[in-house]
Amino acid sequence: MAKYWYLFLALPLWGINQVEDAEKEFYTALSLHSTGALHEAAAAYRRALANDPRLVAAAINLAIIHEKWGETEPAEQLYTQAARLAPNLFTARYNRGQFLQKHGRLAEARDEYLAALSLKPHDASLYVNLAALEITLFELTHDSRLLKAAAEKLKQAEMLKSQSGALFFNLARLAELQNAYGTARLHYLEAMRRYPNSSSEYRQCRIRAQRLAQLLR
């Protein structure tokens, strides 16, 4: 899910009146957005950006709305605008990476996630998500460097005390690709303990663990 951005970033290079008007429009948009009045919120975000095109928060939130409507071109333009204006803002880089990943542009998404990770290096879930993407990229490209990178990120997530189902699921994927089927099965079973029995993640882990159990007979 895209990370909703609440903070107003006022840049002093613009006139005081423009900044004040942009701020008013932004908070109006934010209020409308929170109630689900997306068309009205989008219009207010656009007015905020008209007053201050460098308002990263408005660009991100407007991109989220366009994405929700399935309007990928303006969403990408806004995510790219936000990342260009604020390359050291975690939310800007993370959301652009998420957008690119959804649209199958995995190598570009990885670059954005790496940038986001450099800005938030103690986020265990981001290490896991990035490792999952690198494993998928390996499956597509067979570049062994990606598996090594994924292994390092999963190790880092473990060091950060992650106990998520996603961690064990991706540890299992990694072990399976390395032909360590017994280890992979144990990780799938461990992941199952962390997912609700009714979830699709639980069912996927169960199927994979059963398949590996047959291979190990």
N, C-alpha and C. Protein backbone atom coordinates (compact mmCIF):
# COMPACT_ATOMS: atom_id res chain seq x y z
N MET A 1 0.84 -1.19 0.00
CA MET A 1 0.00 0.00 0.00
C MET A 1 0.88 1.24 0.00
N ALA A 2 0.51 2.23 -0.82
CA ALA A 2 1.27 3.47 -0.88
C ALA A 2 1.20 4.17 0.47
N LYS A 3 2.30 4.80 0.86
CA LYS A 3 2.35 5.48 2.14
C LYS A 3 1.79 6.89 2.00
N TYR A 4 0.69 7.13 2.68
CA TYR A 4 -0.02 8.40 2.64
C TYR A 4 0.83 9.45 3.35
N TRP A 5 0.98 10.60 2.74
CA TRP A 5 1.90 11.59 3.26
C TRP A 5 1.13 12.76 3.85
N TYR A 6 1.34 13.03 5.15
CA TYR A 6 0.55 14.02 5.85
C TYR A 6 1.27 15.36 6.04
N LEU A 7 2.56 15.37 5.99
CA LEU A 7 3.30 16.57 6.36
C LEU A 7 3.39 17.55 5.21
N PHE A 8 3.27 18.81 5.54
CA PHE A 8 3.42 19.87 4.55
C PHE A 8 4.87 20.31 4.52
N LEU A 9 5.45 20.35 3.32
CA LEU A 9 6.83 20.77 3.18
C LEU A 9 6.85 22.14 2.51
N ALA A 10 7.05 23.19 3.27
CA ALA A 10 7.09 24.54 2.71
C ALA A 10 8.52 24.91 2.36
N LEU A 11 8.75 25.25 1.11
CA LEU A 11 10.09 25.64 0.67
C LEU A 11 10.16 27.16 0.60
N PRO A 12 11.18 27.78 1.19
CA PRO A 12 11.20 29.22 1.36
C PRO A 12 11.48 30.01 0.09
N LEU A 13 11.77 29.34 -1.03
CA LEU A 13 12.09 30.06 -2.26
C LEU A 13 10.85 30.69 -2.89
N TRP A 14 9.67 30.27 -2.45
CA TRP A 14 8.44 30.80 -3.02
C TRP A 14 7.93 31.94 -2.15
N GLY A 15 7.08 32.83 -2.73
CA GLY A 15 6.54 33.94 -1.98
C GLY A 15 5.70 33.46 -0.82
N ILE A 16 5.65 34.29 0.21
CA ILE A 16 4.94 33.91 1.43
C ILE A 16 3.47 33.64 1.13
N ASN A 17 2.84 34.50 0.33
CA ASN A 17 1.42 34.31 0.02
C ASN A 17 1.17 33.01 -0.73
N GLN A 18 2.06 32.69 -1.68
CA GLN A 18 1.92 31.44 -2.42
C GLN A 18 2.03 30.24 -1.50
N VAL A 19 3.01 30.29 -0.60
CA VAL A 19 3.20 29.18 0.34
C VAL A 19 2.00 29.04 1.26
N GLU A 20 1.49 30.17 1.74
CA GLU A 20 0.32 30.13 2.62
C GLU A 20 -0.90 29.57 1.89
N ASP A 21 -1.10 30.01 0.64
CA ASP A 21 -2.22 29.50 -0.14
C ASP A 21 -2.07 28.00 -0.41
N ALA A 22 -0.84 27.57 -0.73
CA ALA A 22 -0.58 26.16 -0.98
C ALA A 22 -0.86 25.34 0.28
N GLU A 23 -0.44 25.89 1.42
CA GLU A 23 -0.67 25.19 2.69
C GLU A 23 -2.15 25.03 2.98
N LYS A 24 -2.92 26.08 2.76
CA LYS A 24 -4.37 26.01 3.00
C LYS A 24 -5.01 24.96 2.10
N GLU A 25 -4.65 25.00 0.82
CA GLU A 25 -5.22 24.04 -0.13
C GLU A 25 -4.80 22.62 0.23
N PHE A 26 -3.57 22.47 0.67
CA PHE A 26 -3.09 21.13 1.02
C PHE A 26 -3.90 20.55 2.17
N TYR A 27 -4.10 21.34 3.23
CA TYR A 27 -4.83 20.80 4.38
C TYR A 27 -6.31 20.60 4.06
N THR A 28 -6.85 21.42 3.17
CA THR A 28 -8.22 21.17 2.69
C THR A 28 -8.27 19.84 1.95
N ALA A 29 -7.30 19.63 1.07
CA ALA A 29 -7.23 18.37 0.31
C ALA A 29 -7.07 17.18 1.24
N LEU A 30 -6.22 17.34 2.24
CA LEU A 30 -5.97 16.25 3.17
C LEU A 30 -7.23 15.85 3.92
N SER A 31 -8.00 16.84 4.34
CA SER A 31 -9.25 16.57 5.04
C SER A 31 -10.24 15.86 4.13
N LEU A 32 -10.35 16.34 2.89
CA LEU A 32 -11.25 15.70 1.92
C LEU A 32 -10.80 14.28 1.60
N HIS A 33 -9.49 14.11 1.46
CA HIS A 33 -8.93 12.79 1.16
C HIS A 33 -9.27 11.79 2.26
N SER A 34 -9.16 12.23 3.50
CA SER A 34 -9.40 11.32 4.63
C SER A 34 -10.85 10.87 4.72
N THR A 35 -11.77 11.66 4.12
CA THR A 35 -13.19 11.29 4.15
C THR A 35 -13.62 10.53 2.91
N GLY A 36 -12.68 10.34 1.96
CA GLY A 36 -13.00 9.61 0.75
C GLY A 36 -13.56 10.46 -0.38
N ALA A 37 -13.56 11.79 -0.21
CA ALA A 37 -14.03 12.68 -1.27
C ALA A 37 -12.86 12.92 -2.23
N LEU A 38 -12.59 11.92 -3.05
CA LEU A 38 -11.35 11.92 -3.82
C LEU A 38 -11.32 12.96 -4.93
N HIS A 39 -12.44 13.18 -5.62
CA HIS A 39 -12.44 14.16 -6.70
C HIS A 39 -12.20 15.57 -6.15
N GLU A 40 -12.85 15.88 -5.04
CA GLU A 40 -12.65 17.19 -4.43
C GLU A 40 -11.23 17.32 -3.88
N ALA A 41 -10.72 16.24 -3.29
CA ALA A 41 -9.36 16.25 -2.75
C ALA A 41 -8.35 16.45 -3.87
N ALA A 42 -8.55 15.75 -4.98
CA ALA A 42 -7.63 15.88 -6.11
C ALA A 42 -7.59 17.31 -6.62
N ALA A 43 -8.75 17.94 -6.71
CA ALA A 43 -8.81 19.33 -7.18
C ALA A 43 -8.04 20.25 -6.23
N ALA A 44 -8.17 20.01 -4.93
CA ALA A 44 -7.47 20.84 -3.95
C ALA A 44 -5.97 20.60 -3.99
N TYR A 45 -5.56 19.34 -4.17
CA TYR A 45 -4.12 19.07 -4.31
C TYR A 45 -3.56 19.79 -5.54
N ARG A 46 -4.34 19.80 -6.63
CA ARG A 46 -3.87 20.49 -7.85
C ARG A 46 -3.73 21.99 -7.60
N ARG A 47 -4.67 22.56 -6.86
CA ARG A 47 -4.56 23.99 -6.54
C ARG A 47 -3.34 24.26 -5.66
N ALA A 48 -3.08 23.35 -4.74
CA ALA A 48 -1.88 23.50 -3.89
C ALA A 48 -0.62 23.47 -4.74
N LEU A 49 -0.57 22.53 -5.68
CA LEU A 49 0.61 22.42 -6.54
C LEU A 49 0.73 23.61 -7.48
N ALA A 50 -0.41 24.19 -7.89
CA ALA A 50 -0.37 25.38 -8.74
C ALA A 50 0.27 26.55 -7.99
N ASN A 51 0.04 26.62 -6.69
CA ASN A 51 0.63 27.67 -5.87
C ASN A 51 2.09 27.37 -5.51
N ASP A 52 2.40 26.10 -5.38
CA ASP A 52 3.78 25.70 -5.04
C ASP A 52 4.08 24.34 -5.69
N PRO A 53 4.64 24.34 -6.89
CA PRO A 53 4.92 23.07 -7.59
C PRO A 53 5.91 22.18 -6.87
N ARG A 54 6.58 22.72 -5.86
CA ARG A 54 7.57 21.93 -5.12
C ARG A 54 6.97 21.26 -3.88
N LEU A 55 5.67 21.29 -3.78
CA LEU A 55 4.99 20.71 -2.62
C LEU A 55 4.92 19.19 -2.78
N VAL A 56 5.93 18.54 -2.26
CA VAL A 56 6.08 17.10 -2.46
C VAL A 56 4.90 16.32 -1.88
N ALA A 57 4.43 16.75 -0.72
CA ALA A 57 3.32 16.04 -0.08
C ALA A 57 2.09 15.99 -0.96
N ALA A 58 1.78 17.12 -1.60
CA ALA A 58 0.60 17.17 -2.47
C ALA A 58 0.80 16.28 -3.69
N ALA A 59 2.01 16.27 -4.24
CA ALA A 59 2.29 15.43 -5.41
C ALA A 59 2.11 13.95 -5.08
N ILE A 60 2.60 13.54 -3.93
CA ILE A 60 2.49 12.13 -3.53
C ILE A 60 1.03 11.74 -3.33
N ASN A 61 0.30 12.55 -2.60
CA ASN A 61 -1.09 12.19 -2.32
C ASN A 61 -1.96 12.23 -3.57
N LEU A 62 -1.68 13.18 -4.46
CA LEU A 62 -2.42 13.23 -5.72
C LEU A 62 -2.08 12.00 -6.58
N ALA A 63 -0.84 11.58 -6.56
CA ALA A 63 -0.45 10.36 -7.28
C ALA A 63 -1.20 9.15 -6.74
N ILE A 64 -1.36 9.07 -5.43
CA ILE A 64 -2.09 7.95 -4.81
C ILE A 64 -3.53 7.92 -5.33
N ILE A 65 -4.14 9.10 -5.45
CA ILE A 65 -5.52 9.16 -5.95
C ILE A 65 -5.58 8.70 -7.40
N HIS A 66 -4.69 9.22 -8.24
CA HIS A 66 -4.70 8.82 -9.65
C HIS A 66 -4.47 7.31 -9.78
N GLU A 67 -3.61 6.78 -8.94
CA GLU A 67 -3.34 5.34 -8.99
C GLU A 67 -4.61 4.56 -8.61
N LYS A 68 -5.30 5.05 -7.59
CA LYS A 68 -6.55 4.39 -7.17
C LYS A 68 -7.56 4.39 -8.30
N TRP A 69 -7.57 5.42 -9.11
CA TRP A 69 -8.49 5.52 -10.24
C TRP A 69 -7.99 4.74 -11.46
N GLY A 70 -6.82 4.16 -11.38
CA GLY A 70 -6.26 3.42 -12.50
C GLY A 70 -5.64 4.30 -13.56
N GLU A 71 -5.35 5.53 -13.20
CA GLU A 71 -4.75 6.49 -14.14
C GLU A 71 -3.24 6.47 -13.95
N THR A 72 -2.59 5.55 -14.63
CA THR A 72 -1.19 5.28 -14.35
C THR A 72 -0.24 6.38 -14.83
N GLU A 73 -0.57 7.01 -15.95
CA GLU A 73 0.37 8.00 -16.50
C GLU A 73 0.52 9.21 -15.58
N PRO A 74 -0.58 9.87 -15.15
CA PRO A 74 -0.39 10.99 -14.22
C PRO A 74 0.16 10.54 -12.87
N ALA A 75 -0.19 9.34 -12.43
CA ALA A 75 0.36 8.84 -11.16
C ALA A 75 1.87 8.72 -11.25
N GLU A 76 2.36 8.13 -12.33
CA GLU A 76 3.82 7.99 -12.48
C GLU A 76 4.49 9.36 -12.56
N GLN A 77 3.90 10.27 -13.29
CA GLN A 77 4.49 11.61 -13.42
C GLN A 77 4.62 12.27 -12.05
N LEU A 78 3.60 12.13 -11.22
CA LEU A 78 3.62 12.75 -9.90
C LEU A 78 4.59 12.06 -8.95
N TYR A 79 4.63 10.73 -8.97
CA TYR A 79 5.61 10.01 -8.14
C TYR A 79 7.03 10.39 -8.56
N THR A 80 7.26 10.50 -9.86
CA THR A 80 8.59 10.86 -10.36
C THR A 80 8.93 12.30 -9.96
N GLN A 81 7.95 13.18 -10.05
CA GLN A 81 8.15 14.57 -9.65
C GLN A 81 8.55 14.63 -8.17
N ALA A 82 7.85 13.88 -7.34
CA ALA A 82 8.15 13.90 -5.90
C ALA A 82 9.55 13.37 -5.63
N ALA A 83 9.93 12.27 -6.28
CA ALA A 83 11.26 11.69 -6.07
C ALA A 83 12.36 12.61 -6.57
N ARG A 84 12.08 13.33 -7.66
CA ARG A 84 13.08 14.26 -8.20
C ARG A 84 13.25 15.47 -7.28
N LEU A 85 12.15 15.99 -6.74
CA LEU A 85 12.22 17.16 -5.88
C LEU A 85 12.76 16.83 -4.49
N ALA A 86 12.50 15.61 -4.03
CA ALA A 86 12.93 15.23 -2.67
C ALA A 86 13.59 13.86 -2.70
N PRO A 87 14.79 13.77 -3.31
CA PRO A 87 15.45 12.46 -3.45
C PRO A 87 15.85 11.83 -2.12
N ASN A 88 15.88 12.63 -1.06
CA ASN A 88 16.26 12.10 0.25
C ASN A 88 15.05 11.94 1.18
N LEU A 89 13.87 11.91 0.59
CA LEU A 89 12.65 11.68 1.36
C LEU A 89 12.23 10.23 1.19
N PHE A 90 12.17 9.49 2.28
CA PHE A 90 11.85 8.06 2.23
C PHE A 90 10.54 7.81 1.50
N THR A 91 9.49 8.56 1.86
CA THR A 91 8.17 8.31 1.30
C THR A 91 8.15 8.48 -0.21
N ALA A 92 8.88 9.48 -0.71
CA ALA A 92 8.91 9.72 -2.15
C ALA A 92 9.55 8.56 -2.89
N ARG A 93 10.67 8.06 -2.36
CA ARG A 93 11.37 6.97 -3.04
C ARG A 93 10.62 5.66 -2.89
N TYR A 94 10.08 5.40 -1.70
CA TYR A 94 9.36 4.15 -1.45
C TYR A 94 8.11 4.05 -2.32
N ASN A 95 7.33 5.13 -2.37
CA ASN A 95 6.08 5.08 -3.14
C ASN A 95 6.35 4.92 -4.62
N ARG A 96 7.39 5.59 -5.13
CA ARG A 96 7.70 5.42 -6.54
C ARG A 96 8.14 3.97 -6.81
N GLY A 97 8.93 3.41 -5.90
CA GLY A 97 9.34 2.01 -6.05
C GLY A 97 8.16 1.07 -6.06
N GLN A 98 7.21 1.32 -5.17
CA GLN A 98 6.03 0.47 -5.09
C GLN A 98 5.22 0.55 -6.39
N PHE A 99 5.09 1.76 -6.92
CA PHE A 99 4.36 1.95 -8.17
C PHE A 99 5.04 1.17 -9.30
N LEU A 100 6.35 1.31 -9.42
CA LEU A 100 7.09 0.63 -10.48
C LEU A 100 6.98 -0.89 -10.34
N GLN A 101 7.03 -1.38 -9.10
CA GLN A 101 6.92 -2.82 -8.88
C GLN A 101 5.55 -3.34 -9.33
N LYS A 102 4.50 -2.61 -9.02
CA LYS A 102 3.15 -3.02 -9.42
C LYS A 102 3.03 -3.14 -10.94
N HIS A 103 3.82 -2.35 -11.65
CA HIS A 103 3.72 -2.34 -13.11
C HIS A 103 4.84 -3.14 -13.77
N GLY A 104 5.46 -4.02 -12.98
CA GLY A 104 6.41 -4.98 -13.53
C GLY A 104 7.78 -4.42 -13.87
N ARG A 105 8.07 -3.21 -13.47
CA ARG A 105 9.37 -2.60 -13.75
C ARG A 105 10.27 -2.84 -12.55
N LEU A 106 10.67 -4.10 -12.41
CA LEU A 106 11.28 -4.55 -11.16
C LEU A 106 12.68 -3.99 -10.94
N ALA A 107 13.48 -3.88 -11.98
CA ALA A 107 14.84 -3.35 -11.81
C ALA A 107 14.78 -1.89 -11.36
N GLU A 108 13.87 -1.11 -11.97
CA GLU A 108 13.72 0.29 -11.56
C GLU A 108 13.17 0.38 -10.14
N ALA A 109 12.25 -0.50 -9.82
CA ALA A 109 11.69 -0.51 -8.47
C ALA A 109 12.78 -0.82 -7.44
N ARG A 110 13.64 -1.76 -7.79
CA ARG A 110 14.73 -2.11 -6.87
C ARG A 110 15.62 -0.90 -6.58
N ASP A 111 15.91 -0.12 -7.60
CA ASP A 111 16.74 1.08 -7.39
C ASP A 111 16.07 2.04 -6.41
N GLU A 112 14.75 2.20 -6.55
CA GLU A 112 14.03 3.11 -5.65
C GLU A 112 14.01 2.56 -4.23
N TYR A 113 13.79 1.26 -4.09
CA TYR A 113 13.78 0.65 -2.76
C TYR A 113 15.14 0.73 -2.10
N LEU A 114 16.19 0.57 -2.88
CA LEU A 114 17.55 0.69 -2.32
C LEU A 114 17.77 2.11 -1.79
N ALA A 115 17.29 3.09 -2.56
CA ALA A 115 17.40 4.48 -2.10
C ALA A 115 16.59 4.68 -0.82
N ALA A 116 15.38 4.11 -0.78
CA ALA A 116 14.55 4.23 0.42
C ALA A 116 15.22 3.56 1.61
N LEU A 117 15.83 2.42 1.37
CA LEU A 117 16.48 1.68 2.45
C LEU A 117 17.65 2.46 3.03
N SER A 118 18.37 3.18 2.16
CA SER A 118 19.49 3.99 2.65
C SER A 118 19.01 5.11 3.56
N LEU A 119 17.75 5.51 3.39
CA LEU A 119 17.17 6.58 4.21
C LEU A 119 16.51 6.04 5.48
N LYS A 120 16.22 4.75 5.50
CA LYS A 120 15.57 4.14 6.67
C LYS A 120 16.19 2.75 6.88
N PRO A 121 17.45 2.73 7.30
CA PRO A 121 18.21 1.46 7.31
C PRO A 121 17.85 0.48 8.42
N HIS A 122 16.92 0.84 9.29
CA HIS A 122 16.56 -0.06 10.38
C HIS A 122 15.14 -0.60 10.22
N ASP A 123 14.62 -0.54 9.02
CA ASP A 123 13.27 -1.04 8.73
C ASP A 123 13.37 -2.48 8.25
N ALA A 124 13.10 -3.42 9.14
CA ALA A 124 13.25 -4.84 8.81
C ALA A 124 12.33 -5.25 7.68
N SER A 125 11.11 -4.71 7.65
CA SER A 125 10.16 -5.12 6.62
C SER A 125 10.64 -4.70 5.23
N LEU A 126 11.34 -3.59 5.15
CA LEU A 126 11.85 -3.14 3.85
C LEU A 126 12.95 -4.06 3.35
N TYR A 127 13.79 -4.55 4.26
CA TYR A 127 14.80 -5.54 3.87
C TYR A 127 14.13 -6.79 3.30
N VAL A 128 13.07 -7.23 3.95
CA VAL A 128 12.37 -8.43 3.49
C VAL A 128 11.73 -8.19 2.13
N ASN A 129 11.05 -7.06 1.98
CA ASN A 129 10.39 -6.76 0.71
C ASN A 129 11.39 -6.64 -0.43
N LEU A 130 12.52 -6.02 -0.15
CA LEU A 130 13.53 -5.86 -1.18
C LEU A 130 14.15 -7.21 -1.55
N ALA A 131 14.36 -8.05 -0.55
CA ALA A 131 14.88 -9.40 -0.82
C ALA A 131 13.90 -10.19 -1.68
N ALA A 132 12.61 -10.07 -1.39
CA ALA A 132 11.60 -10.77 -2.18
C ALA A 132 11.64 -10.32 -3.64
N LEU A 133 11.80 -9.02 -3.85
CA LEU A 133 11.89 -8.51 -5.21
C LEU A 133 13.15 -9.03 -5.90
N GLU A 134 14.26 -9.07 -5.18
CA GLU A 134 15.52 -9.55 -5.76
C GLU A 134 15.44 -11.03 -6.12
N ILE A 135 14.73 -11.80 -5.31
CA ILE A 135 14.55 -13.22 -5.64
C ILE A 135 13.72 -13.35 -6.92
N THR A 136 12.68 -12.55 -7.03
CA THR A 136 11.86 -12.58 -8.25
C THR A 136 12.69 -12.16 -9.46
N LEU A 137 13.51 -11.14 -9.30
CA LEU A 137 14.37 -10.71 -10.40
C LEU A 137 15.36 -11.81 -10.79
N PHE A 138 15.87 -12.53 -9.80
CA PHE A 138 16.76 -13.64 -10.10
C PHE A 138 16.05 -14.70 -10.93
N GLU A 139 14.81 -15.00 -10.57
CA GLU A 139 14.04 -16.00 -11.31
C GLU A 139 13.84 -15.59 -12.77
N LEU A 140 13.85 -14.27 -13.00
CA LEU A 140 13.67 -13.77 -14.37
C LEU A 140 14.98 -13.65 -15.14
N THR A 141 16.07 -13.32 -14.42
CA THR A 141 17.33 -13.00 -15.10
C THR A 141 18.44 -14.03 -14.88
N HIS A 142 18.30 -14.84 -13.81
CA HIS A 142 19.33 -15.82 -13.43
C HIS A 142 20.67 -15.16 -13.11
N ASP A 143 20.61 -13.94 -12.63
CA ASP A 143 21.81 -13.23 -12.19
C ASP A 143 22.08 -13.61 -10.74
N SER A 144 23.13 -14.38 -10.51
CA SER A 144 23.40 -14.92 -9.17
C SER A 144 23.69 -13.84 -8.15
N ARG A 145 24.10 -12.66 -8.62
CA ARG A 145 24.36 -11.57 -7.68
C ARG A 145 23.09 -11.15 -6.94
N LEU A 146 21.95 -11.34 -7.58
CA LEU A 146 20.69 -10.98 -6.94
C LEU A 146 20.37 -11.92 -5.79
N LEU A 147 20.68 -13.21 -5.94
CA LEU A 147 20.46 -14.14 -4.84
C LEU A 147 21.35 -13.80 -3.65
N LYS A 148 22.59 -13.45 -3.94
CA LYS A 148 23.51 -13.07 -2.87
C LYS A 148 23.00 -11.82 -2.15
N ALA A 149 22.53 -10.84 -2.93
CA ALA A 149 22.00 -9.62 -2.34
C ALA A 149 20.77 -9.91 -1.49
N ALA A 150 19.90 -10.80 -1.98
CA ALA A 150 18.69 -11.15 -1.23
C ALA A 150 19.06 -11.83 0.08
N ALA A 151 20.04 -12.74 0.04
CA ALA A 151 20.47 -13.44 1.25
C ALA A 151 20.99 -12.45 2.29
N GLU A 152 21.74 -11.46 1.84
CA GLU A 152 22.28 -10.46 2.77
C GLU A 152 21.16 -9.65 3.42
N LYS A 153 20.14 -9.33 2.65
CA LYS A 153 19.04 -8.52 3.19
C LYS A 153 18.19 -9.33 4.16
N LEU A 154 17.98 -10.59 3.86
CA LEU A 154 17.22 -11.43 4.79
C LEU A 154 18.00 -11.63 6.10
N LYS A 155 19.30 -11.75 5.99
CA LYS A 155 20.14 -11.85 7.19
C LYS A 155 20.03 -10.57 8.02
N GLN A 156 20.03 -9.44 7.34
CA GLN A 156 19.90 -8.17 8.05
C GLN A 156 18.54 -8.07 8.73
N ALA A 157 17.49 -8.54 8.06
CA ALA A 157 16.16 -8.52 8.68
C ALA A 157 16.13 -9.39 9.93
N GLU A 158 16.81 -10.54 9.88
CA GLU A 158 16.90 -11.39 11.07
C GLU A 158 17.64 -10.68 12.19
N MET A 159 18.70 -9.98 11.85
CA MET A 159 19.47 -9.24 12.85
C MET A 159 18.63 -8.14 13.48
N LEU A 160 17.67 -7.61 12.72
CA LEU A 160 16.76 -6.59 13.24
C LEU A 160 15.56 -7.20 13.96
N LYS A 161 15.64 -8.50 14.19
CA LYS A 161 14.65 -9.24 15.00
C LYS A 161 13.30 -9.40 14.32
N SER A 162 13.29 -9.39 13.00
CA SER A 162 12.04 -9.66 12.30
C SER A 162 11.62 -11.10 12.56
N GLN A 163 10.33 -11.28 12.79
CA GLN A 163 9.76 -12.62 12.95
C GLN A 163 8.53 -12.77 12.06
N SER A 164 8.49 -12.04 10.97
CA SER A 164 7.31 -12.01 10.12
C SER A 164 7.19 -13.27 9.28
N GLY A 165 5.97 -13.55 8.87
CA GLY A 165 5.76 -14.66 7.95
C GLY A 165 6.49 -14.43 6.65
N ALA A 166 6.52 -13.17 6.19
CA ALA A 166 7.20 -12.86 4.93
C ALA A 166 8.68 -13.17 5.00
N LEU A 167 9.30 -12.94 6.16
CA LEU A 167 10.72 -13.27 6.30
C LEU A 167 10.94 -14.76 6.06
N PHE A 168 10.16 -15.61 6.74
CA PHE A 168 10.38 -17.05 6.62
C PHE A 168 9.96 -17.56 5.24
N PHE A 169 8.95 -16.95 4.66
CA PHE A 169 8.55 -17.34 3.31
C PHE A 169 9.68 -17.09 2.32
N ASN A 170 10.32 -15.95 2.43
CA ASN A 170 11.40 -15.63 1.49
C ASN A 170 12.69 -16.36 1.82
N LEU A 171 12.91 -16.67 3.08
CA LEU A 171 14.03 -17.57 3.41
C LEU A 171 13.81 -18.93 2.76
N ALA A 172 12.56 -19.37 2.75
CA ALA A 172 12.23 -20.65 2.11
C ALA A 172 12.44 -20.58 0.60
N ARG A 173 11.98 -19.50 -0.03
CA ARG A 173 12.19 -19.33 -1.47
C ARG A 173 13.68 -19.37 -1.80
N LEU A 174 14.46 -18.67 -1.00
CA LEU A 174 15.90 -18.62 -1.24
C LEU A 174 16.52 -20.01 -1.11
N ALA A 175 16.17 -20.72 -0.03
CA ALA A 175 16.72 -22.06 0.18
C ALA A 175 16.31 -23.01 -0.94
N GLU A 176 15.08 -22.87 -1.40
CA GLU A 176 14.59 -23.74 -2.48
C GLU A 176 15.39 -23.51 -3.76
N LEU A 177 15.69 -22.26 -4.07
CA LEU A 177 16.48 -21.95 -5.26
C LEU A 177 17.92 -22.44 -5.14
N GLN A 178 18.36 -22.61 -3.91
CA GLN A 178 19.71 -23.13 -3.66
C GLN A 178 19.70 -24.65 -3.49
N ASN A 179 18.55 -25.27 -3.79
CA ASN A 179 18.37 -26.73 -3.71
C ASN A 179 18.48 -27.28 -2.29
N ALA A 180 18.30 -26.42 -1.31
CA ALA A 180 18.30 -26.86 0.09
C ALA A 180 16.85 -27.13 0.49
N TYR A 181 16.30 -28.23 -0.02
CA TYR A 181 14.87 -28.47 0.09
C TYR A 181 14.40 -28.71 1.52
N GLY A 182 15.23 -29.37 2.32
CA GLY A 182 14.85 -29.61 3.70
C GLY A 182 14.74 -28.31 4.48
N THR A 183 15.72 -27.44 4.30
CA THR A 183 15.69 -26.13 4.95
C THR A 183 14.51 -25.30 4.46
N ALA A 184 14.27 -25.35 3.16
CA ALA A 184 13.15 -24.60 2.59
C ALA A 184 11.83 -25.05 3.20
N ARG A 185 11.65 -26.37 3.32
CA ARG A 185 10.39 -26.88 3.89
C ARG A 185 10.21 -26.38 5.32
N LEU A 186 11.27 -26.41 6.11
CA LEU A 186 11.17 -25.95 7.50
C LEU A 186 10.80 -24.47 7.57
N HIS A 187 11.35 -23.69 6.67
CA HIS A 187 11.01 -22.26 6.64
C HIS A 187 9.56 -22.04 6.23
N TYR A 188 9.07 -22.84 5.27
CA TYR A 188 7.66 -22.71 4.90
C TYR A 188 6.75 -23.06 6.08
N LEU A 189 7.11 -24.10 6.81
CA LEU A 189 6.32 -24.48 7.99
C LEU A 189 6.35 -23.38 9.04
N GLU A 190 7.52 -22.74 9.19
CA GLU A 190 7.64 -21.65 10.15
C GLU A 190 6.79 -20.45 9.71
N ALA A 191 6.80 -20.20 8.41
CA ALA A 191 5.97 -19.10 7.89
C ALA A 191 4.49 -19.37 8.15
N MET A 192 4.07 -20.63 7.98
CA MET A 192 2.67 -20.99 8.20
C MET A 192 2.22 -20.64 9.61
N ARG A 193 3.11 -20.76 10.57
CA ARG A 193 2.76 -20.46 11.97
C ARG A 193 2.43 -18.99 12.16
N ARG A 194 2.88 -18.15 11.23
CA ARG A 194 2.73 -16.71 11.38
C ARG A 194 1.60 -16.12 10.53
N TYR A 195 0.98 -16.95 9.72
CA TYR A 195 -0.13 -16.49 8.88
C TYR A 195 -1.44 -17.09 9.39
N PRO A 196 -2.54 -16.37 9.28
CA PRO A 196 -3.85 -16.95 9.64
C PRO A 196 -4.15 -18.16 8.74
N ASN A 197 -4.77 -19.17 9.32
CA ASN A 197 -5.05 -20.40 8.58
C ASN A 197 -5.91 -20.17 7.34
N SER A 198 -6.70 -19.11 7.35
CA SER A 198 -7.60 -18.84 6.23
C SER A 198 -6.94 -17.98 5.15
N SER A 199 -5.70 -17.55 5.36
CA SER A 199 -5.08 -16.61 4.43
C SER A 199 -4.50 -17.32 3.21
N SER A 200 -4.38 -16.58 2.11
CA SER A 200 -3.78 -17.14 0.90
C SER A 200 -2.30 -17.44 1.12
N GLU A 201 -1.65 -16.64 1.98
CA GLU A 201 -0.24 -16.88 2.28
C GLU A 201 -0.05 -18.24 2.98
N TYR A 202 -0.95 -18.53 3.91
CA TYR A 202 -0.88 -19.81 4.61
C TYR A 202 -1.05 -20.96 3.63
N ARG A 203 -2.03 -20.85 2.74
CA ARG A 203 -2.28 -21.92 1.78
C ARG A 203 -1.09 -22.10 0.83
N GLN A 204 -0.49 -21.02 0.41
CA GLN A 204 0.65 -21.10 -0.49
C GLN A 204 1.83 -21.79 0.20
N CYS A 205 2.08 -21.43 1.44
CA CYS A 205 3.16 -22.08 2.20
C CYS A 205 2.89 -23.56 2.38
N ARG A 206 1.65 -23.92 2.68
CA ARG A 206 1.29 -25.32 2.89
C ARG A 206 1.51 -26.13 1.62
N ILE A 207 1.08 -25.59 0.49
CA ILE A 207 1.25 -26.30 -0.79
C ILE A 207 2.73 -26.52 -1.09
N ARG A 208 3.52 -25.48 -0.87
CA ARG A 208 4.95 -25.59 -1.14
C ARG A 208 5.63 -26.57 -0.18
N ALA A 209 5.24 -26.53 1.07
CA ALA A 209 5.84 -27.45 2.05
C ALA A 209 5.48 -28.89 1.72
N GLN A 210 4.24 -29.13 1.31
CA GLN A 210 3.81 -30.49 0.94
C GLN A 210 4.57 -30.99 -0.29
N ARG A 211 4.75 -30.10 -1.25
CA ARG A 211 5.49 -30.49 -2.46
C ARG A 211 6.93 -30.86 -2.12
N LEU A 212 7.55 -30.08 -1.24
CA LEU A 212 8.93 -30.38 -0.86
C LEU A 212 9.03 -31.67 -0.05
N ALA A 213 8.00 -31.93 0.77
CA ALA A 213 7.99 -33.17 1.55
C ALA A 213 7.99 -34.38 0.62
N GLN A 214 7.27 -34.27 -0.48
CA GLN A 214 7.24 -35.38 -1.46
C GLN A 214 8.60 -35.54 -2.14
N LEU A 215 9.26 -34.40 -2.42
CA LEU A 215 10.59 -34.48 -3.05
C LEU A 215 11.62 -35.11 -2.13
N LEU A 216 11.43 -34.93 -0.83
CA LEU A 216 12.41 -35.39 0.15
C LEU A 216 12.21 -36.85 0.54
N ARG A 217 11.16 -37.47 0.06
CA ARG A 217 10.91 -38.89 0.42
C ARG A 217 11.92 -39.81 -0.24
